[in-house]
């Protein structure tokens, strides 16, 4: 071989990704099933899976048997699907339980339709192992039983330290539908115990935990573990009892730059329930969560001083208030905004003394579009970095995403052409308006339904909305339209409107 050719070959080897330095085994071209491909691989090899829907024997309960290999789809999870078909024959997608390390990688698969009545982890079980899971979707996996406790609809982790990056957990569930003594359902998407779990850029949507006696952690349930969530989103998860989005017991938990929205619990902790845990929230947005009893945003039991909340928004909880502490002592909050929560903002004993100190505020965060799931901030938001108290910077998970690109330091709050007075509103909603031509004030429900339309006189400075007696309390949007622009504000009615004489 010529020297020049040898150099080219050596350089090409340097540029090859680490995961491809071993042998590459192709499924189904070289091996017919995913498990067959894994069985043919040695530590350091890559099993490369072509697009398709993989069903049947050796395409489920996939195990690495202790070898650190890379299982990689060619084109990603949307086109590479492991369909467990668990309702026909109960089974799970993966069993990673033989001491695999972070060098064991699962990348780019949809794992769907797992179903188990015993055990844990209908989509994936991780035990005594620490794999790396990337770019995967866990969809419609179900732990369900009338006789046994159930846990980990999507994933169950026991004595492991896995990492999940850019994964989605959608409509996974743990449902116990029988009678005691088997009456516990925990972790609709993920159940984690005696483990260390890291989640980055992951989404949890419409996962659920249901049971006769005890159901907790519609999104994630953690027991005696270390949990780190960064840049994640939890939306629309539910639990019959505790922790609609997240439920932690005896754990060390860090949550940063994460959105927790529209999660529901039948008792306590609509967004988060934390019991006897060390909990740190930093730059998070909790919005529109609800708990039937207490703690629409967050319910905490244990030593309140074990909770630190910094640069976080807790807003518009549907019921249960912003925060409830079932323990004495003050919770530590800095540079945080609690606003518009049905049941109270800075109302609980553990936080009542803190608004106005340490940069804490109570003001409408002015999200760009709650109805469309956009929790970026309007440039005029009191949580935007240029508007927050000194030393706070950004409050919430997302930065400015709408409105003017910059806010002048000399601008007054009255620069916004529409402002609601007294939010939450009681009896009637009163707005302050600054002159626009051809004004129309429209009131919308949170669903986007037009509730009322009020034509206004040019140059009007005040407007009052007195809705029908049948109008329920809740979240509404007021939109001020002119020929050239539309300005909207969100407001909440804390009690039923009382009609006043006109």
Protein backbone atom coordinates (compact mmCIF):
# COMPACT_ATOMS: atom_id res chain seq x y z
CA UNK A 1 0.00 0.00 0.00
CA UNK A 2 1.28 3.50 -0.85
CA UNK A 3 2.11 5.76 2.10
CA UNK A 4 -0.50 8.29 0.95
CA UNK A 5 -3.21 5.61 0.84
CA UNK A 6 -2.24 4.36 4.29
CA UNK A 7 -2.58 7.87 5.72
CA UNK A 8 -6.07 8.21 4.22
CA UNK A 9 -7.15 4.92 5.74
CA UNK A 10 -5.81 5.88 9.18
CA UNK A 11 -7.52 9.28 9.07
CA UNK A 12 -10.80 7.69 8.10
CA UNK A 13 -10.57 5.38 11.11
CA UNK A 14 -10.01 8.34 13.43
CA UNK A 15 -13.27 9.96 12.24
CA UNK A 16 -15.44 6.89 12.83
CA UNK A 17 -17.78 7.25 15.85
CA UNK A 18 -16.81 5.16 18.87
CA UNK A 19 -19.99 3.08 18.60
CA UNK A 20 -18.90 1.84 15.16
CA UNK A 21 -15.34 0.81 16.02
CA UNK A 22 -16.56 -2.73 16.78
CA UNK A 23 -18.43 -4.97 14.36
CA UNK A 24 -21.79 -3.86 12.95
CA UNK A 25 -24.56 -6.44 12.77
CA UNK A 26 -27.54 -5.54 10.63
CA UNK A 27 -31.14 -6.50 11.38
CA UNK A 28 -32.97 -8.01 9.56
CA UNK A 29 -30.42 -8.38 6.73
CA UNK A 30 -27.80 -10.37 8.63
CA UNK A 31 -29.86 -11.50 11.63
CA UNK A 32 -33.65 -11.93 11.38
CA UNK A 33 -34.69 -10.48 14.76
CA UNK A 34 -33.46 -7.85 17.19
CA UNK A 35 -32.61 -10.42 19.88
CA UNK A 36 -30.75 -12.54 17.34
CA UNK A 37 -28.72 -9.49 16.38
CA UNK A 38 -27.94 -8.78 20.04
CA UNK A 39 -27.00 -12.42 20.66
CA UNK A 40 -24.54 -12.28 17.77
CA UNK A 41 -22.86 -9.14 19.13
CA UNK A 42 -19.89 -8.86 21.47
CA UNK A 43 -19.10 -6.00 23.83
CA UNK A 44 -18.30 -2.91 21.73
CA UNK A 45 -20.35 -4.05 18.72
CA UNK A 46 -23.30 -2.20 17.18
CA UNK A 47 -26.59 -3.81 16.22
CA UNK A 48 -28.05 -1.62 13.48
CA UNK A 49 -31.80 -2.05 12.96
CA UNK A 50 -33.55 -1.12 9.71
CA UNK A 51 -36.91 0.71 9.68
CA UNK A 52 -39.94 -1.46 10.29
CA UNK A 53 -42.39 -2.79 12.86
CA UNK A 54 -40.82 -5.62 14.83
CA UNK A 55 -43.18 -8.10 16.44
CA UNK A 56 -43.19 -11.59 17.82
CA UNK A 57 -40.71 -13.88 19.48
CA UNK A 58 -37.18 -12.45 19.85
CA UNK A 59 -38.43 -8.91 19.13
CA UNK A 60 -39.51 -8.38 22.74
CA UNK A 61 -38.09 -8.92 26.23
CA UNK A 62 -34.80 -8.01 24.58
CA UNK A 63 -31.79 -8.57 26.84
CA UNK A 64 -28.11 -7.66 26.42
CA UNK A 65 -27.05 -10.37 28.91
CA UNK A 66 -24.36 -8.17 30.43
CA UNK A 67 -22.68 -7.07 27.20
CA UNK A 68 -22.14 -3.36 26.59
CA UNK A 69 -23.32 -3.10 23.01
CA UNK A 70 -25.07 -0.36 21.04
CA UNK A 71 -28.56 -1.09 19.76
CA UNK A 72 -29.22 1.60 17.16
CA UNK A 73 -32.03 2.26 14.69
CA UNK A 74 -31.09 3.49 11.24
CA UNK A 75 -33.79 6.15 10.94
CA UNK A 76 -35.17 6.90 14.41
CA UNK A 77 -38.18 5.97 16.57
CA UNK A 78 -40.95 7.12 14.24
CA UNK A 79 -40.06 4.41 11.73
CA UNK A 80 -38.46 1.74 13.94
CA UNK A 81 -41.10 0.25 16.22
CA UNK A 82 -40.99 -2.60 18.71
CA UNK A 83 -44.62 -3.66 19.03
CA UNK A 84 -44.88 -5.96 22.04
CA UNK A 85 -48.54 -6.88 21.41
CA UNK A 86 -48.80 -7.55 25.13
CA UNK A 87 -52.56 -7.90 25.25
CA UNK A 88 -52.36 -11.07 23.19
CA UNK A 89 -49.53 -12.50 25.31
CA UNK A 90 -48.39 -10.35 28.27
CA UNK A 91 -44.77 -9.29 27.91
CA UNK A 92 -42.35 -6.34 28.03
CA UNK A 93 -40.06 -4.69 25.52
CA UNK A 94 -36.65 -4.82 27.23
CA UNK A 95 -35.10 -6.51 30.25
CA UNK A 96 -31.72 -4.90 30.98
CA UNK A 97 -30.78 -6.67 34.18
CA UNK A 98 -27.28 -8.16 33.97
CA UNK A 99 -24.97 -5.39 35.14
CA UNK A 100 -24.77 -3.39 31.92
CA UNK A 101 -22.88 -0.08 32.17
CA UNK A 102 -23.50 3.31 30.47
CA UNK A 103 -21.68 1.90 27.42
CA UNK A 104 -24.79 -0.22 26.79
CA UNK A 105 -26.89 2.03 24.54
CA UNK A 106 -30.46 1.84 23.23
CA UNK A 107 -31.03 4.57 20.65
CA UNK A 108 -33.94 5.42 18.36
CA UNK A 109 -36.88 3.06 18.99
CA UNK A 110 -40.57 3.27 19.73
CA UNK A 111 -41.53 0.71 22.38
CA UNK A 112 -45.28 0.22 22.41
CA UNK A 113 -48.12 -1.99 23.66
CA UNK A 114 -46.25 -3.67 26.48
CA UNK A 115 -48.59 -5.28 28.99
CA UNK A 116 -47.85 -7.09 32.24
CA UNK A 117 -49.96 -8.18 35.19
CA UNK A 118 -46.99 -9.05 37.44
CA UNK A 119 -43.45 -7.75 37.77
CA UNK A 120 -42.65 -4.20 36.66
CA UNK A 121 -41.82 -2.19 33.57
CA UNK A 122 -44.16 -3.09 30.73
CA UNK A 123 -41.98 -1.16 28.29
CA UNK A 124 -38.57 -1.68 29.86
CA UNK A 125 -37.15 -3.15 33.07
CA UNK A 126 -33.75 -1.91 34.26
CA UNK A 127 -32.34 -3.78 37.25
CA UNK A 128 -28.81 -3.66 38.67
CA UNK A 129 -27.72 -1.93 35.44
CA UNK A 130 -26.98 1.55 34.12
CA UNK A 131 -27.75 1.74 30.39
CA UNK A 132 -27.91 4.85 28.23
CA UNK A 133 -31.29 5.33 26.52
CA UNK A 134 -31.59 7.97 23.80
CA UNK A 135 -34.20 9.15 21.31
CA UNK A 136 -36.83 6.57 22.30
CA UNK A 137 -40.61 6.74 22.57
CA UNK A 138 -42.48 4.69 25.17
CA UNK A 139 -46.09 4.55 24.02
CA UNK A 140 -49.22 2.82 25.35
CA UNK A 141 -47.45 0.48 27.75
CA UNK A 142 -49.57 -0.81 30.62
CA UNK A 143 -49.10 -2.52 33.96
CA UNK A 144 -52.60 -3.68 34.85
CA UNK A 145 -53.97 -6.15 37.37
CA UNK A 146 -56.93 -7.06 39.53
CA UNK A 147 -54.72 -9.06 41.91
CA UNK A 148 -51.22 -7.55 42.16
CA UNK A 149 -49.67 -4.19 42.90
CA UNK A 150 -48.47 -2.58 39.67
CA UNK A 151 -45.58 -0.20 38.99
CA UNK A 152 -43.70 1.26 36.06
CA UNK A 153 -46.08 1.35 33.11
CA UNK A 154 -43.39 2.56 30.74
CA UNK A 155 -40.14 1.85 32.59
CA UNK A 156 -39.24 0.32 35.97
CA UNK A 157 -35.79 0.93 37.49
CA UNK A 158 -34.45 -1.01 40.47
CA UNK A 159 -30.89 -0.63 41.80
CA UNK A 160 -29.68 1.04 38.61
CA UNK A 161 -28.23 4.31 37.33
CA UNK A 162 -29.61 4.81 33.81
CA UNK A 163 -29.73 8.00 31.77
CA UNK A 164 -32.55 8.95 29.40
CA UNK A 165 -32.03 11.71 26.83
CA UNK A 166 -34.57 13.08 24.36
CA UNK A 167 -37.13 10.37 25.15
CA UNK A 168 -40.93 10.62 25.19
CA UNK A 169 -43.33 8.79 27.50
CA UNK A 170 -46.88 8.95 26.19
CA UNK A 171 -50.05 7.30 27.53
CA UNK A 172 -48.31 4.75 29.69
CA UNK A 173 -50.27 3.62 32.75
CA UNK A 174 -50.39 1.62 35.94
CA UNK A 175 -53.93 0.62 36.78
CA UNK A 176 -55.06 -1.63 39.59
CA UNK A 177 -58.73 -2.39 39.02
CA UNK A 178 -59.42 -5.05 41.66
CA UNK A 179 -59.87 -4.98 45.42
CA UNK A 180 -57.38 -4.97 48.33
CA UNK A 181 -54.96 -6.32 49.44
CA UNK A 182 -53.40 -5.79 45.99
CA UNK A 183 -54.30 -2.14 45.67
CA UNK A 184 -51.26 -0.04 44.74
CA UNK A 185 -50.34 1.60 41.42
CA UNK A 186 -47.16 3.70 41.17
CA UNK A 187 -45.34 5.34 38.29
CA UNK A 188 -47.47 5.61 35.17
CA UNK A 189 -44.44 6.33 32.98
CA UNK A 190 -41.49 5.56 35.30
CA UNK A 191 -41.13 3.76 38.63
CA UNK A 192 -37.73 4.14 40.30
CA UNK A 193 -36.44 2.71 43.58
CA UNK A 194 -32.97 2.50 45.17
CA UNK A 195 -31.55 4.04 42.00
CA UNK A 196 -29.99 7.10 40.42
CA UNK A 197 -31.92 8.40 37.43
CA UNK A 198 -30.96 11.21 35.06
CA UNK A 199 -33.48 12.58 32.55
CA UNK A 200 -32.59 15.28 30.01
CA UNK A 201 -34.91 16.80 27.39
CA UNK A 202 -37.60 14.18 28.00
CA UNK A 203 -41.37 14.56 27.62
CA UNK A 204 -44.08 12.95 29.75
CA UNK A 205 -47.61 13.30 28.45
CA UNK A 206 -50.97 11.72 29.40
CA UNK A 207 -49.50 9.02 31.64
CA UNK A 208 -51.63 7.82 34.56
CA UNK A 209 -51.77 5.90 37.84
CA UNK A 210 -55.11 4.48 39.00
CA UNK A 211 -55.98 2.20 41.91
CA UNK A 212 -58.60 1.47 44.53
CA UNK A 213 -56.55 2.49 47.57
CA UNK A 214 -53.24 4.10 46.55
CA UNK A 215 -52.18 5.51 43.19
CA UNK A 216 -49.25 7.91 42.87
CA UNK A 217 -46.90 9.40 40.31
CA UNK A 218 -48.82 9.66 37.07
CA UNK A 219 -45.58 10.65 35.36
CA UNK A 220 -42.77 9.51 37.69
CA UNK A 221 -42.75 7.76 41.07
CA UNK A 222 -39.46 7.65 42.98
CA UNK A 223 -38.66 5.86 46.23
CA UNK A 224 -35.28 6.25 47.98
CA UNK A 225 -33.51 7.40 44.84
CA UNK A 226 -31.55 10.26 43.34
CA UNK A 227 -33.42 12.00 40.52
CA UNK A 228 -32.16 14.69 38.14
CA UNK A 229 -34.56 16.22 35.60
CA UNK A 230 -33.25 18.88 33.22
CA UNK A 231 -35.13 20.61 30.38
CA UNK A 232 -38.03 18.16 30.58
CA UNK A 233 -41.77 18.63 30.05
CA UNK A 234 -44.57 16.94 32.00
CA UNK A 235 -48.06 17.71 30.77
CA UNK A 236 -51.48 16.15 31.32
CA UNK A 237 -50.42 13.32 33.64
CA UNK A 238 -52.81 12.09 36.34
CA UNK A 239 -52.85 10.10 39.58
CA UNK A 240 -55.90 9.07 41.56
CA UNK A 241 -54.27 10.03 44.86
CA UNK A 242 -50.84 11.71 44.98
CA UNK A 243 -48.47 13.42 42.57
CA UNK A 244 -50.25 13.83 39.27
CA UNK A 245 -46.98 14.69 37.55
CA UNK A 246 -44.26 13.62 39.98
CA UNK A 247 -44.23 11.78 43.31
CA UNK A 248 -41.07 11.47 45.42
CA UNK A 249 -40.52 9.64 48.70
CA UNK A 250 -37.24 9.69 50.60
CA UNK A 251 -35.37 10.86 47.52
CA UNK A 252 -32.84 13.53 46.57
CA UNK A 253 -34.38 15.43 43.67
CA UNK A 254 -33.10 18.21 41.40
CA UNK A 255 -35.41 19.68 38.75
CA UNK A 256 -34.15 22.44 36.43
CA UNK A 257 -35.50 24.25 33.36
CA UNK A 258 -38.55 21.99 33.35
CA UNK A 259 -42.22 22.61 32.51
CA UNK A 260 -44.86 20.90 34.68
CA UNK A 261 -48.30 21.77 33.36
CA UNK A 262 -51.93 20.59 33.52
CA UNK A 263 -51.21 17.58 35.72
CA UNK A 264 -53.96 16.39 38.09
CA UNK A 265 -54.23 14.44 41.34
CA UNK A 266 -57.31 13.25 43.20
CA UNK A 267 -55.90 14.31 46.55
CA UNK A 268 -52.57 16.12 46.95
CA UNK A 269 -49.75 17.38 44.74
CA UNK A 270 -51.21 18.06 41.32
CA UNK A 271 -47.82 18.93 39.83
CA UNK A 272 -45.43 17.53 42.44
CA UNK A 273 -45.78 15.59 45.68
CA UNK A 274 -42.61 15.26 47.73
CA UNK A 275 -42.52 13.32 51.01
CA UNK A 276 -39.43 13.31 53.18
CA UNK A 277 -37.27 14.25 50.20
CA UNK A 278 -34.65 16.89 49.49
CA UNK A 279 -36.15 18.88 46.61
CA UNK A 280 -34.54 21.62 44.53
CA UNK A 281 -36.45 23.47 41.82
CA UNK A 282 -34.54 25.89 39.63
CA UNK A 283 -35.90 27.82 36.63
CA UNK A 284 -39.05 25.73 36.39
CA UNK A 285 -42.56 26.59 35.22
CA UNK A 286 -45.54 24.98 36.97
CA UNK A 287 -48.81 26.00 35.34
CA UNK A 288 -52.44 24.91 35.48
CA UNK A 289 -51.92 21.87 37.72
CA UNK A 290 -54.67 20.80 40.12
CA UNK A 291 -55.17 18.78 43.31
CA UNK A 292 -58.59 18.02 44.76
CA UNK A 293 -57.42 18.42 48.37
CA UNK A 294 -54.25 20.54 48.58
CA UNK A 295 -51.07 21.53 46.77
CA UNK A 296 -52.19 22.18 43.22
CA UNK A 297 -48.63 23.05 42.23
CA UNK A 298 -46.62 21.39 45.01
CA UNK A 299 -47.45 19.41 48.14
CA UNK A 300 -44.65 18.73 50.59
CA UNK A 301 -44.52 16.71 53.77
CA UNK A 302 -41.34 16.47 55.81
CA UNK A 303 -38.93 19.21 56.83
CA UNK A 304 -39.89 22.29 54.79
CA UNK A 305 -36.30 23.52 54.94
CA UNK A 306 -35.36 20.59 52.70
CA UNK A 307 -37.12 22.37 49.81
CA UNK A 308 -35.42 25.13 47.80
CA UNK A 309 -37.31 26.87 45.00
CA UNK A 310 -35.42 29.41 42.89
CA UNK A 311 -36.40 31.41 39.79
CA UNK A 312 -39.57 29.34 39.40
CA UNK A 313 -43.13 30.17 38.34
CA UNK A 314 -46.13 28.46 39.97
CA UNK A 315 -49.21 29.87 38.27
CA UNK A 316 -52.87 29.27 37.56
CA UNK A 317 -53.31 26.05 39.51
CA UNK A 318 -56.87 24.90 38.88
CA UNK A 319 -57.46 23.95 42.53
CA UNK A 320 -55.50 23.26 45.68
CA UNK A 321 -53.45 26.48 45.72
CA UNK A 322 -49.84 27.01 44.71
CA UNK A 323 -48.03 25.27 47.59
CA UNK A 324 -49.06 23.27 50.63
CA UNK A 325 -46.63 22.18 53.36
CA UNK A 326 -47.84 19.48 55.72
CA UNK A 327 -45.05 20.28 58.18
CA UNK A 328 -43.78 23.23 60.24
CA UNK A 329 -41.04 25.61 59.16
CA UNK A 330 -40.42 27.87 56.19
CA UNK A 331 -39.75 26.65 52.70
CA UNK A 332 -36.90 28.50 50.97
CA UNK A 333 -38.03 30.50 47.93
CA UNK A 334 -35.94 33.00 45.99
CA UNK A 335 -36.78 35.00 42.87
CA UNK A 336 -40.02 33.08 42.31
CA UNK A 337 -43.46 34.08 41.07
CA UNK A 338 -46.64 32.57 42.55
CA UNK A 339 -49.72 33.93 40.83
CA UNK A 340 -53.35 33.19 39.95
CA UNK A 341 -53.61 29.87 41.77
CA UNK A 342 -57.13 28.87 42.80
CA UNK A 343 -56.85 28.27 46.53
CA UNK A 344 -54.12 30.85 47.11
CA UNK A 345 -50.66 31.94 46.03
CA UNK A 346 -48.47 32.83 49.01
CA UNK A 347 -51.15 31.49 51.32
CA UNK A 348 -49.71 28.47 53.11
CA UNK A 349 -47.92 28.98 56.44
CA UNK A 350 -44.58 27.85 55.02
CA UNK A 351 -44.52 30.61 52.36
CA UNK A 352 -46.89 33.33 53.62
CA UNK A 353 -44.09 35.62 54.84
CA UNK A 354 -41.99 35.46 51.68
CA UNK A 355 -43.60 37.58 48.91
CA UNK A 356 -41.68 40.79 48.47
CA UNK A 357 -38.46 39.40 49.93
CA UNK A 358 -35.57 37.55 48.26
CA UNK A 359 -36.89 38.69 44.85
CA UNK A 360 -40.22 36.86 45.24
CA UNK A 361 -43.22 38.34 43.41
CA UNK A 362 -46.88 37.74 42.64
CA UNK A 363 -47.61 38.92 39.11
CA UNK A 364 -49.03 37.53 35.88
CA UNK A 365 -46.08 35.85 34.11
CA UNK A 366 -47.58 36.71 30.69
CA UNK A 367 -46.91 33.48 28.83
CA UNK A 368 -46.93 33.66 25.05
CA UNK A 369 -49.62 31.03 24.53
CA UNK A 370 -50.86 28.71 27.27
CA UNK A 371 -53.65 27.39 25.05
CA UNK A 372 -51.03 26.13 22.58
CA UNK A 373 -48.56 24.98 25.24
CA UNK A 374 -46.16 27.88 24.67
CA UNK A 375 -44.68 28.90 28.03
CA UNK A 376 -42.18 31.36 26.61
CA UNK A 377 -42.54 34.81 28.15
CA UNK A 378 -43.84 37.99 26.66
CA UNK A 379 -41.17 40.68 26.56
CA UNK A 380 -43.28 42.66 29.05
CA UNK A 381 -43.42 39.76 31.53
CA UNK A 382 -42.29 40.51 35.08
CA UNK A 383 -40.40 37.18 34.83
CA UNK A 384 -38.37 38.23 31.76
CA UNK A 385 -34.70 38.82 32.65
CA UNK A 386 -34.85 42.56 31.96
CA UNK A 387 -37.85 43.04 34.27
CA UNK A 388 -37.15 40.84 37.31
CA UNK A 389 -35.90 42.08 40.69
CA UNK A 390 -32.19 42.80 40.91
CA UNK A 391 -30.03 39.71 40.84
CA UNK A 392 -32.80 37.32 39.75
CA UNK A 393 -32.42 37.04 35.98
CA UNK A 394 -34.85 34.76 34.16
CA UNK A 395 -37.74 33.38 36.23
CA UNK A 396 -39.27 30.24 34.76
CA UNK A 397 -38.17 27.53 32.35
CA UNK A 398 -38.27 29.49 29.08
CA UNK A 399 -37.00 32.92 28.07
CA UNK A 400 -38.75 35.65 26.08
CA UNK A 401 -40.49 34.32 22.98
CA UNK A 402 -43.04 36.96 21.95
CA UNK A 403 -43.72 40.67 22.19
CA UNK A 404 -41.11 43.35 21.61
CA UNK A 405 -37.56 42.11 21.24
CA UNK A 406 -36.44 44.50 23.96
CA UNK A 407 -38.05 46.41 26.81
CA UNK A 408 -36.86 49.95 27.43
CA UNK A 409 -35.77 50.55 31.00
CA UNK A 410 -37.75 53.81 31.07
CA UNK A 411 -40.99 52.17 29.95
CA UNK A 412 -43.75 52.18 32.54
CA UNK A 413 -46.17 49.31 33.20
CA UNK A 414 -48.88 51.37 31.53
CA UNK A 415 -47.14 50.90 28.15
CA UNK A 416 -49.19 47.72 27.71
CA UNK A 417 -52.53 48.81 26.15
CA UNK A 418 -54.53 46.25 28.19
CA UNK A 419 -54.23 45.51 31.88
CA UNK A 420 -56.57 43.69 34.25
CA UNK A 421 -57.18 45.16 37.67
CA UNK A 422 -57.36 42.78 40.64
CA UNK A 423 -56.36 39.38 39.31
CA UNK A 424 -57.83 36.93 40.34
CA UNK A 425 -61.06 38.75 39.69
CA UNK A 426 -64.09 38.60 41.97
CA UNK A 427 -67.66 39.65 41.18
CA UNK A 428 -66.62 41.19 37.85
CA UNK A 429 -63.50 41.58 35.75
CA UNK A 430 -62.30 45.15 35.31
CA UNK A 431 -59.78 46.18 32.69
CA UNK A 432 -57.69 49.28 32.16
CA UNK A 433 -57.36 50.20 28.48
CA UNK A 434 -55.21 52.75 26.73
CA UNK A 435 -56.42 54.45 23.58
CA UNK A 436 -56.59 52.42 20.38
CA UNK A 437 -58.71 52.96 17.32
CA UNK A 438 -61.67 50.69 16.70
CA UNK A 439 -61.36 48.70 19.93
CA UNK A 440 -63.09 45.38 20.57
CA UNK A 441 -62.59 43.50 23.82
CA UNK A 442 -63.16 39.74 23.52
CA UNK A 443 -63.27 37.20 26.34
CA UNK A 444 -62.16 33.63 25.63
CA UNK A 445 -62.28 30.45 27.72
CA UNK A 446 -59.01 28.57 28.17
CA UNK A 447 -60.21 26.13 25.49
CA UNK A 448 -60.26 29.00 22.97
CA UNK A 449 -64.07 29.33 22.90
CA UNK A 450 -65.33 32.91 22.50
CA UNK A 451 -67.35 33.74 25.64
CA UNK A 452 -68.23 37.41 25.12
CA UNK A 453 -67.50 40.40 22.86
CA UNK A 454 -67.58 44.00 24.08
CA UNK A 455 -67.36 46.81 21.49
CA UNK A 456 -65.62 49.81 23.05
CA UNK A 457 -65.54 53.51 22.35
CA UNK A 458 -62.36 54.96 20.89
CA UNK A 459 -60.19 56.30 23.67
CA UNK A 460 -61.91 54.33 26.41
CA UNK A 461 -59.83 53.90 29.57
CA UNK A 462 -61.85 51.30 31.52
CA UNK A 463 -64.01 48.28 30.67
CA UNK A 464 -65.96 45.87 32.83
CA UNK A 465 -67.02 42.33 32.03
CA UNK A 466 -70.08 41.01 33.86
CA UNK A 467 -70.63 37.47 32.60
CA UNK A 468 -73.73 35.39 32.76
CA UNK A 469 -74.63 33.85 36.08
CA UNK A 470 -73.91 30.38 34.68
CA UNK A 471 -70.29 31.24 33.80
CA UNK A 472 -68.02 29.02 35.93
CA UNK A 473 -64.90 30.26 37.71
CA UNK A 474 -61.58 29.46 36.08
CA UNK A 475 -59.00 30.77 33.62
CA UNK A 476 -60.01 33.23 30.88
CA UNK A 477 -58.24 35.36 28.29
CA UNK A 478 -59.12 38.95 27.42
CA UNK A 479 -58.05 40.06 23.94
CA UNK A 480 -58.09 43.73 22.93
CA UNK A 481 -58.27 44.08 19.16
CA UNK A 482 -57.81 47.09 16.95
CA UNK A 483 -57.21 47.45 13.24
CA UNK A 484 -53.46 47.14 13.73
CA UNK A 485 -52.76 44.91 16.72
CA UNK A 486 -54.09 42.47 19.30
CA UNK A 487 -53.09 42.47 22.96
CA UNK A 488 -54.13 39.66 25.30
CA UNK A 489 -53.98 39.08 29.05
CA UNK A 490 -54.86 36.04 31.09
CA UNK A 491 -56.94 36.30 34.22
CA UNK A 492 -58.63 34.00 36.66
CA UNK A 493 -61.94 34.11 38.47
CA UNK A 494 -61.40 32.79 41.97
CA UNK A 495 -65.07 32.58 42.96
CA UNK A 496 -68.36 32.48 41.14
CA UNK A 497 -69.31 35.82 39.63
CA UNK A 498 -72.07 37.78 41.33
CA UNK A 499 -74.01 39.91 38.90
CA UNK A 500 -74.19 43.54 39.88
CA UNK A 501 -76.79 46.10 38.84
CA UNK A 502 -75.85 47.85 35.67
